[in-house]
Amino acid sequence: MTAIVGKLSNMNSHPTQVRAEMVATVHSLAVSVGDLVTPGTTLLILESMKMEIPVLAEIAGRVEEVAVAPGDTIQEGDLLIRLSESA
């Protein structure tokens, strides 16, 4: 199983956005709003072509928003999770 990491887009003081890199279905969520994460923390699991693909945090921060739910079909570029960077 190969891990993919959500694309991150840091916009000044705005939270960091984790976006989908492929069309997939959200299999499960591993975090909730308010959770603290570190680099390498599994945020959610996607399913594509019968493979489970973990999406990992690239930065330390707090989960500000979870924009998807298990069973959702996502498209490339869709917002999955929004993080605030830890100072």
PDB file of N, CA and C in Angstrom:
ATOM      1  N   MET A   1       0.853  -1.168   0.000  1.00  0.00           N
ATOM      2  CA  MET A   1       0.000   0.000   0.000  1.00  0.00           C
ATOM      3  C   MET A   1       0.902   1.235   0.000  1.00  0.00           C
ATOM      4  N   THR A   2       0.631   2.176  -0.876  1.00  0.00           N
ATOM      5  CA  THR A   2       1.410   3.400  -0.984  1.00  0.00           C
ATOM      6  C   THR A   2       0.623   4.566  -0.420  1.00  0.00           C
ATOM      7  N   ALA A   3       1.272   5.349   0.423  1.00  0.00           N
ATOM      8  CA  ALA A   3       0.610   6.523   1.000  1.00  0.00           C
ATOM      9  C   ALA A   3       0.727   7.688   0.047  1.00  0.00           C
ATOM     10  N   ILE A   4      -0.340   8.437  -0.093  1.00  0.00           N
ATOM     11  CA  ILE A   4      -0.270   9.693  -0.812  1.00  0.00           C
ATOM     12  C   ILE A   4      -0.473  10.796   0.203  1.00  0.00           C
ATOM     13  N   VAL A   5       0.062  11.914  -0.074  1.00  0.00           N
ATOM     14  CA  VAL A   5      -0.067  13.038   0.842  1.00  0.00           C
ATOM     15  C   VAL A   5      -0.883  14.107   0.152  1.00  0.00           C
ATOM     16  N   GLY A   6      -1.898  14.612   0.842  1.00  0.00           N
ATOM     17  CA  GLY A   6      -2.741  15.655   0.270  1.00  0.00           C
ATOM     18  C   GLY A   6      -1.918  16.872  -0.102  1.00  0.00           C
ATOM     19  N   LYS A   7      -2.269  17.487  -1.192  1.00  0.00           N
ATOM     20  CA  LYS A   7      -1.590  18.715  -1.604  1.00  0.00           C
ATOM     21  C   LYS A   7      -1.882  19.801  -0.580  1.00  0.00           C
ATOM     22  N   LEU A   8      -0.861  20.529  -0.197  1.00  0.00           N
ATOM     23  CA  LEU A   8      -1.019  21.571   0.801  1.00  0.00           C
ATOM     24  C   LEU A   8      -0.864  22.933   0.147  1.00  0.00           C
ATOM     25  N   SER A   9      -1.686  23.851   0.553  1.00  0.00           N
ATOM     26  CA  SER A   9      -1.660  25.201   0.020  1.00  0.00           C
ATOM     27  C   SER A   9      -1.695  26.172   1.185  1.00  0.00           C
ATOM     28  N   ASN A  10      -0.585  26.812   1.468  1.00  0.00           N
ATOM     29  CA  ASN A  10      -0.510  27.715   2.610  1.00  0.00           C
ATOM     30  C   ASN A  10      -0.726  29.137   2.112  1.00  0.00           C
ATOM     31  N   MET A  11      -1.791  29.795   2.583  1.00  0.00           N
ATOM     32  CA  MET A  11      -2.128  31.135   2.124  1.00  0.00           C
ATOM     33  C   MET A  11      -2.015  32.106   3.287  1.00  0.00           C
ATOM     34  N   ASN A  12      -0.818  32.668   3.508  1.00  0.00           N
ATOM     35  CA  ASN A  12      -0.559  33.618   4.583  1.00  0.00           C
ATOM     36  C   ASN A  12      -1.039  33.074   5.912  1.00  0.00           C
ATOM     37  N   SER A  13      -1.978  33.759   6.576  1.00  0.00           N
ATOM     38  CA  SER A  13      -2.443  33.315   7.890  1.00  0.00           C
ATOM     39  C   SER A  13      -3.628  32.357   7.794  1.00  0.00           C
ATOM     40  N   HIS A  14      -4.052  32.036   6.585  1.00  0.00           N
ATOM     41  CA  HIS A  14      -5.177  31.116   6.422  1.00  0.00           C
ATOM     42  C   HIS A  14      -4.730  29.696   6.736  1.00  0.00           C
ATOM     43  N   PRO A  15      -5.658  28.847   7.199  1.00  0.00           N
ATOM     44  CA  PRO A  15      -5.291  27.459   7.494  1.00  0.00           C
ATOM     45  C   PRO A  15      -4.784  26.741   6.244  1.00  0.00           C
ATOM     46  N   THR A  16      -4.070  25.690   6.472  1.00  0.00           N
ATOM     47  CA  THR A  16      -3.539  24.862   5.390  1.00  0.00           C
ATOM     48  C   THR A  16      -4.624  23.912   4.904  1.00  0.00           C
ATOM     49  N   GLN A  17      -4.679  23.714   3.603  1.00  0.00           N
ATOM     50  CA  GLN A  17      -5.715  22.878   3.009  1.00  0.00           C
ATOM     51  C   GLN A  17      -5.118  21.574   2.494  1.00  0.00           C
ATOM     52  N   VAL A  18      -5.749  20.469   2.843  1.00  0.00           N
ATOM     53  CA  VAL A  18      -5.366  19.162   2.319  1.00  0.00           C
ATOM     54  C   VAL A  18      -6.391  18.831   1.244  1.00  0.00           C
ATOM     55  N   ARG A  19      -5.916  18.665   0.011  1.00  0.00           N
ATOM     56  CA  ARG A  19      -6.812  18.439  -1.128  1.00  0.00           C
ATOM     57  C   ARG A  19      -6.550  17.073  -1.758  1.00  0.00           C
ATOM     58  N   ALA A  20      -7.559  16.547  -2.423  1.00  0.00           N
ATOM     59  CA  ALA A  20      -7.451  15.241  -3.077  1.00  0.00           C
ATOM     60  C   ALA A  20      -6.525  15.311  -4.275  1.00  0.00           C
ATOM     61  N   GLU A  21      -5.748  14.259  -4.450  1.00  0.00           N
ATOM     62  CA  GLU A  21      -4.863  14.160  -5.609  1.00  0.00           C
ATOM     63  C   GLU A  21      -5.451  13.272  -6.693  1.00  0.00           C
ATOM     64  N   MET A  22      -6.602  12.636  -6.414  1.00  0.00           N
ATOM     65  CA  MET A  22      -7.207  11.726  -7.383  1.00  0.00           C
ATOM     66  C   MET A  22      -8.696  11.593  -7.112  1.00  0.00           C
ATOM     67  N   VAL A  23      -9.398  11.019  -8.060  1.00  0.00           N
ATOM     68  CA  VAL A  23     -10.800  10.660  -7.860  1.00  0.00           C
ATOM     69  C   VAL A  23     -10.811   9.420  -6.973  1.00  0.00           C
ATOM     70  N   ALA A  24     -11.621   9.448  -5.926  1.00  0.00           N
ATOM     71  CA  ALA A  24     -11.663   8.327  -4.985  1.00  0.00           C
ATOM     72  C   ALA A  24     -12.935   8.422  -4.149  1.00  0.00           C
ATOM     73  N   THR A  25     -13.108   7.449  -3.278  1.00  0.00           N
ATOM     74  CA  THR A  25     -14.187   7.441  -2.289  1.00  0.00           C
ATOM     75  C   THR A  25     -13.544   7.531  -0.913  1.00  0.00           C
ATOM     76  N   VAL A  26     -14.140   8.315  -0.033  1.00  0.00           N
ATOM     77  CA  VAL A  26     -13.637   8.401   1.334  1.00  0.00           C
ATOM     78  C   VAL A  26     -14.033   7.107   2.046  1.00  0.00           C
ATOM     79  N   HIS A  27     -13.040   6.345   2.453  1.00  0.00           N
ATOM     80  CA  HIS A  27     -13.280   5.076   3.149  1.00  0.00           C
ATOM     81  C   HIS A  27     -13.531   5.314   4.636  1.00  0.00           C
ATOM     82  N   SER A  28     -12.635   6.103   5.278  1.00  0.00           N
ATOM     83  CA  SER A  28     -12.805   6.383   6.705  1.00  0.00           C
ATOM     84  C   SER A  28     -12.025   7.628   7.099  1.00  0.00           C
ATOM     85  N   LEU A  29     -12.433   8.229   8.201  1.00  0.00           N
ATOM     86  CA  LEU A  29     -11.742   9.390   8.761  1.00  0.00           C
ATOM     87  C   LEU A  29     -10.948   8.940   9.971  1.00  0.00           C
ATOM     88  N   ALA A  30      -9.748   9.485  10.132  1.00  0.00           N
ATOM     89  CA  ALA A  30      -8.902   9.132  11.269  1.00  0.00           C
ATOM     90  C   ALA A  30      -8.774  10.282  12.259  1.00  0.00           C
ATOM     91  N   VAL A  31      -9.283  11.463  11.903  1.00  0.00           N
ATOM     92  CA  VAL A  31      -9.200  12.636  12.768  1.00  0.00           C
ATOM     93  C   VAL A  31     -10.551  13.345  12.819  1.00  0.00           C
ATOM     94  N   SER A  32     -10.693  14.193  13.831  1.00  0.00           N
ATOM     95  CA  SER A  32     -11.885  15.021  14.002  1.00  0.00           C
ATOM     96  C   SER A  32     -11.453  16.467  14.206  1.00  0.00           C
ATOM     97  N   VAL A  33     -12.389  17.391  14.060  1.00  0.00           N
ATOM     98  CA  VAL A  33     -12.109  18.805  14.300  1.00  0.00           C
ATOM     99  C   VAL A  33     -11.561  18.957  15.720  1.00  0.00           C
ATOM    100  N   GLY A  34     -10.478  19.725  15.827  1.00  0.00           N
ATOM    101  CA  GLY A  34      -9.852  19.969  17.116  1.00  0.00           C
ATOM    102  C   GLY A  34      -8.667  19.074  17.414  1.00  0.00           C
ATOM    103  N   ASP A  35      -8.530  17.965  16.682  1.00  0.00           N
ATOM    104  CA  ASP A  35      -7.404  17.061  16.909  1.00  0.00           C
ATOM    105  C   ASP A  35      -6.090  17.732  16.534  1.00  0.00           C
ATOM    106  N   LEU A  36      -5.047  17.427  17.289  1.00  0.00           N
ATOM    107  CA  LEU A  36      -3.696  17.867  16.955  1.00  0.00           C
ATOM    108  C   LEU A  36      -3.027  16.763  16.154  1.00  0.00           C
ATOM    109  N   VAL A  37      -2.324  17.156  15.096  1.00  0.00           N
ATOM    110  CA  VAL A  37      -1.628  16.185  14.241  1.00  0.00           C
ATOM    111  C   VAL A  37      -0.165  16.574  14.102  1.00  0.00           C
ATOM    112  N   THR A  38       0.643  15.593  13.780  1.00  0.00           N
ATOM    113  CA  THR A  38       2.060  15.807  13.508  1.00  0.00           C
ATOM    114  C   THR A  38       2.341  15.286  12.106  1.00  0.00           C
ATOM    115  N   PRO A  39       3.478  15.658  11.522  1.00  0.00           N
ATOM    116  CA  PRO A  39       3.793  15.130  10.195  1.00  0.00           C
ATOM    117  C   PRO A  39       3.755  13.593  10.199  1.00  0.00           C
ATOM    118  N   GLY A  40       3.080  13.033   9.218  1.00  0.00           N
ATOM    119  CA  GLY A  40       2.957  11.586   9.109  1.00  0.00           C
ATOM    120  C   GLY A  40       1.695  11.018   9.734  1.00  0.00           C
ATOM    121  N   THR A  41       0.928  11.841  10.449  1.00  0.00           N
ATOM    122  CA  THR A  41      -0.341  11.383  11.028  1.00  0.00           C
ATOM    123  C   THR A  41      -1.320  11.062   9.906  1.00  0.00           C
ATOM    124  N   THR A  42      -1.968   9.907   9.975  1.00  0.00           N
ATOM    125  CA  THR A  42      -3.004   9.570   9.001  1.00  0.00           C
ATOM    126  C   THR A  42      -4.229  10.424   9.279  1.00  0.00           C
ATOM    127  N   LEU A  43      -4.683  11.148   8.250  1.00  0.00           N
ATOM    128  CA  LEU A  43      -5.855  12.018   8.371  1.00  0.00           C
ATOM    129  C   LEU A  43      -7.127  11.294   7.961  1.00  0.00           C
ATOM    130  N   LEU A  44      -7.051  10.553   6.863  1.00  0.00           N
ATOM    131  CA  LEU A  44      -8.184   9.794   6.368  1.00  0.00           C
ATOM    132  C   LEU A  44      -7.686   8.725   5.425  1.00  0.00           C
ATOM    133  N   ILE A  45      -8.566   7.799   5.100  1.00  0.00           N
ATOM    134  CA  ILE A  45      -8.251   6.724   4.158  1.00  0.00           C
ATOM    135  C   ILE A  45      -9.179   6.880   2.955  1.00  0.00           C
ATOM    136  N   LEU A  46      -8.578   6.908   1.771  1.00  0.00           N
ATOM    137  CA  LEU A  46      -9.342   6.935   0.528  1.00  0.00           C
ATOM    138  C   LEU A  46      -9.358   5.541  -0.075  1.00  0.00           C
ATOM    139  N   GLU A  47     -10.358   5.282  -0.915  1.00  0.00           N
ATOM    140  CA  GLU A  47     -10.417   4.020  -1.637  1.00  0.00           C
ATOM    141  C   GLU A  47     -10.538   4.335  -3.119  1.00  0.00           C
ATOM    142  N   SER A  48      -9.657   3.712  -3.900  1.00  0.00           N
ATOM    143  CA  SER A  48      -9.684   3.886  -5.349  1.00  0.00           C
ATOM    144  C   SER A  48      -9.210   2.588  -5.982  1.00  0.00           C
ATOM    145  N   MET A  49      -9.982   2.091  -6.908  1.00  0.00           N
ATOM    146  CA  MET A  49      -9.648   0.862  -7.620  1.00  0.00           C
ATOM    147  C   MET A  49      -9.375  -0.278  -6.630  1.00  0.00           C
ATOM    148  N   LYS A  50     -10.213  -0.372  -5.605  1.00  0.00           N
ATOM    149  CA  LYS A  50     -10.162  -1.417  -4.582  1.00  0.00           C
ATOM    150  C   LYS A  50      -8.891  -1.378  -3.730  1.00  0.00           C
ATOM    151  N   MET A  51      -8.208  -0.230  -3.729  1.00  0.00           N
ATOM    152  CA  MET A  51      -7.030  -0.058  -2.881  1.00  0.00           C
ATOM    153  C   MET A  51      -7.326   1.009  -1.842  1.00  0.00           C
ATOM    154  N   GLU A  52      -6.894   0.782  -0.611  1.00  0.00           N
ATOM    155  CA  GLU A  52      -7.015   1.780   0.446  1.00  0.00           C
ATOM    156  C   GLU A  52      -5.752   2.624   0.463  1.00  0.00           C
ATOM    157  N   ILE A  53      -5.927   3.950   0.457  1.00  0.00           N
ATOM    158  CA  ILE A  53      -4.808   4.880   0.344  1.00  0.00           C
ATOM    159  C   ILE A  53      -4.874   5.882   1.489  1.00  0.00           C
ATOM    160  N   PRO A  54      -3.906   5.824   2.433  1.00  0.00           N
ATOM    161  CA  PRO A  54      -3.919   6.801   3.520  1.00  0.00           C
ATOM    162  C   PRO A  54      -3.465   8.171   3.037  1.00  0.00           C
ATOM    163  N   VAL A  55      -4.098   9.211   3.559  1.00  0.00           N
ATOM    164  CA  VAL A  55      -3.674  10.594   3.303  1.00  0.00           C
ATOM    165  C   VAL A  55      -3.046  11.073   4.611  1.00  0.00           C
ATOM    166  N   LEU A  56      -1.783  11.499   4.533  1.00  0.00           N
ATOM    167  CA  LEU A  56      -0.999  11.841   5.711  1.00  0.00           C
ATOM    168  C   LEU A  56      -0.798  13.339   5.844  1.00  0.00           C
ATOM    169  N   ALA A  57      -0.694  13.805   7.082  1.00  0.00           N
ATOM    170  CA  ALA A  57      -0.380  15.216   7.340  1.00  0.00           C
ATOM    171  C   ALA A  57       1.091  15.463   6.997  1.00  0.00           C
ATOM    172  N   GLU A  58       1.360  16.604   6.398  1.00  0.00           N
ATOM    173  CA  GLU A  58       2.738  16.992   6.103  1.00  0.00           C
ATOM    174  C   GLU A  58       3.283  17.937   7.160  1.00  0.00           C
ATOM    175  N   ILE A  59       2.397  18.544   7.953  1.00  0.00           N
ATOM    176  CA  ILE A  59       2.805  19.545   8.938  1.00  0.00           C
ATOM    177  C   ILE A  59       2.162  19.229  10.285  1.00  0.00           C
ATOM    178  N   ALA A  60       2.700  19.839  11.324  1.00  0.00           N
ATOM    179  CA  ALA A  60       2.061  19.775  12.637  1.00  0.00           C
ATOM    180  C   ALA A  60       0.985  20.853  12.686  1.00  0.00           C
ATOM    181  N   GLY A  61      -0.150  20.523  13.261  1.00  0.00           N
ATOM    182  CA  GLY A  61      -1.212  21.515  13.355  1.00  0.00           C
ATOM    183  C   GLY A  61      -2.445  20.956  14.013  1.00  0.00           C
ATOM    184  N   ARG A  62      -3.511  21.730  13.942  1.00  0.00           N
ATOM    185  CA  ARG A  62      -4.806  21.364  14.517  1.00  0.00           C
ATOM    186  C   ARG A  62      -5.808  21.242  13.372  1.00  0.00           C
ATOM    187  N   VAL A  63      -6.660  20.228  13.437  1.00  0.00           N
ATOM    188  CA  VAL A  63      -7.715  20.041  12.434  1.00  0.00           C
ATOM    189  C   VAL A  63      -8.773  21.113  12.659  1.00  0.00           C
ATOM    190  N   GLU A  64      -8.955  21.982  11.691  1.00  0.00           N
ATOM    191  CA  GLU A  64      -9.940  23.067  11.765  1.00  0.00           C
ATOM    192  C   GLU A  64     -11.265  22.690  11.103  1.00  0.00           C
ATOM    193  N   GLU A  65     -11.192  21.864  10.056  1.00  0.00           N
ATOM    194  CA  GLU A  65     -12.405  21.485   9.315  1.00  0.00           C
ATOM    195  C   GLU A  65     -12.186  20.137   8.661  1.00  0.00           C
ATOM    196  N   VAL A  66     -13.208  19.299   8.715  1.00  0.00           N
ATOM    197  CA  VAL A  66     -13.240  18.054   7.951  1.00  0.00           C
ATOM    198  C   VAL A  66     -14.356  18.245   6.932  1.00  0.00           C
ATOM    199  N   ALA A  67     -13.989  18.308   5.654  1.00  0.00           N
ATOM    200  CA  ALA A  67     -14.938  18.683   4.602  1.00  0.00           C
ATOM    201  C   ALA A  67     -15.583  17.482   3.908  1.00  0.00           C
ATOM    202  N   VAL A  68     -15.254  16.269   4.340  1.00  0.00           N
ATOM    203  CA  VAL A  68     -15.784  15.057   3.705  1.00  0.00           C
ATOM    204  C   VAL A  68     -16.279  14.098   4.779  1.00  0.00           C
ATOM    205  N   ALA A  69     -17.011  13.088   4.341  1.00  0.00           N
ATOM    206  CA  ALA A  69     -17.520  12.053   5.238  1.00  0.00           C
ATOM    207  C   ALA A  69     -17.312  10.693   4.565  1.00  0.00           C
ATOM    208  N   PRO A  70     -17.247   9.629   5.354  1.00  0.00           N
ATOM    209  CA  PRO A  70     -17.134   8.300   4.752  1.00  0.00           C
ATOM    210  C   PRO A  70     -18.235   8.066   3.728  1.00  0.00           C
ATOM    211  N   GLY A  71     -17.835   7.509   2.590  1.00  0.00           N
ATOM    212  CA  GLY A  71     -18.778   7.246   1.501  1.00  0.00           C
ATOM    213  C   GLY A  71     -18.824   8.331   0.451  1.00  0.00           C
ATOM    214  N   ASP A  72     -18.291   9.521   0.755  1.00  0.00           N
ATOM    215  CA  ASP A  72     -18.282  10.612  -0.228  1.00  0.00           C
ATOM    216  C   ASP A  72     -17.373  10.259  -1.395  1.00  0.00           C
ATOM    217  N   THR A  73     -17.811  10.582  -2.597  1.00  0.00           N
ATOM    218  CA  THR A  73     -16.960  10.478  -3.783  1.00  0.00           C
ATOM    219  C   THR A  73     -16.311  11.830  -3.985  1.00  0.00           C
ATOM    220  N   ILE A  74     -15.000  11.843  -4.108  1.00  0.00           N
ATOM    221  CA  ILE A  74     -14.265  13.095  -4.252  1.00  0.00           C
ATOM    222  C   ILE A  74     -13.578  13.153  -5.602  1.00  0.00           C
ATOM    223  N   GLN A  75     -13.342  14.371  -6.052  1.00  0.00           N
ATOM    224  CA  GLN A  75     -12.663  14.617  -7.320  1.00  0.00           C
ATOM    225  C   GLN A  75     -11.291  15.216  -7.033  1.00  0.00           C
ATOM    226  N   GLU A  76     -10.397  15.115  -7.989  1.00  0.00           N
ATOM    227  CA  GLU A  76      -9.079  15.720  -7.849  1.00  0.00           C
ATOM    228  C   GLU A  76      -9.226  17.212  -7.522  1.00  0.00           C
ATOM    229  N   GLY A  77      -8.532  17.663  -6.490  1.00  0.00           N
ATOM    230  CA  GLY A  77      -8.572  19.060  -6.091  1.00  0.00           C
ATOM    231  C   GLY A  77      -9.594  19.394  -5.021  1.00  0.00           C
ATOM    232  N   ASP A  78     -10.501  18.463  -4.693  1.00  0.00           N
ATOM    233  CA  ASP A  78     -11.495  18.726  -3.655  1.00  0.00           C
ATOM    234  C   ASP A  78     -10.826  18.916  -2.297  1.00  0.00           C
ATOM    235  N   LEU A  79     -11.359  19.823  -1.497  1.00  0.00           N
ATOM    236  CA  LEU A  79     -10.888  20.024  -0.136  1.00  0.00           C
ATOM    237  C   LEU A  79     -11.297  18.822   0.706  1.00  0.00           C
ATOM    238  N   LEU A  80     -10.334  18.250   1.424  1.00  0.00           N
ATOM    239  CA  LEU A  80     -10.607  17.131   2.314  1.00  0.00           C
ATOM    240  C   LEU A  80     -10.613  17.591   3.768  1.00  0.00           C
ATOM    241  N   ILE A  81      -9.508  18.229   4.160  1.00  0.00           N
ATOM    242  CA  ILE A  81      -9.326  18.665   5.547  1.00  0.00           C
ATOM    243  C   ILE A  81      -8.595  19.990   5.539  1.00  0.00           C
ATOM    244  N   ARG A  82      -8.959  20.856   6.496  1.00  0.00           N
ATOM    245  CA  ARG A  82      -8.282  22.137   6.650  1.00  0.00           C
ATOM    246  C   ARG A  82      -7.554  22.109   7.999  1.00  0.00           C
ATOM    247  N   LEU A  83      -6.262  22.436   7.963  1.00  0.00           N
ATOM    248  CA  LEU A  83      -5.426  22.467   9.167  1.00  0.00           C
ATOM    249  C   LEU A  83      -4.962  23.885   9.458  1.00  0.00           C
ATOM    250  N   SER A  84      -4.737  24.171  10.736  1.00  0.00           N
ATOM    251  CA  SER A  84      -4.030  25.387  11.135  1.00  0.00           C
ATOM    252  C   SER A  84      -2.643  24.950  11.559  1.00  0.00           C
ATOM    253  N   GLU A  85      -1.625  25.645  11.087  1.00  0.00           N
ATOM    254  CA  GLU A  85      -0.255  25.286  11.450  1.00  0.00           C
ATOM    255  C   GLU A  85       0.008  25.590  12.904  1.00  0.00           C
ATOM    256  N   SER A  86       0.755  24.700  13.557  1.00  0.00           N
ATOM    257  CA  SER A  86       1.206  24.954  14.927  1.00  0.00           C
ATOM    258  C   SER A  86       2.325  25.973  14.874  1.00  0.00           C
ATOM    259  N   ALA A  87       2.354  26.856  15.859  1.00  0.00           N
ATOM    260  CA  ALA A  87       3.388  27.897  15.885  1.00  0.00           C
ATOM    261  C   ALA A  87       4.707  27.323  16.338  1.00  0.00           C
TER     262      ALA A  87
END
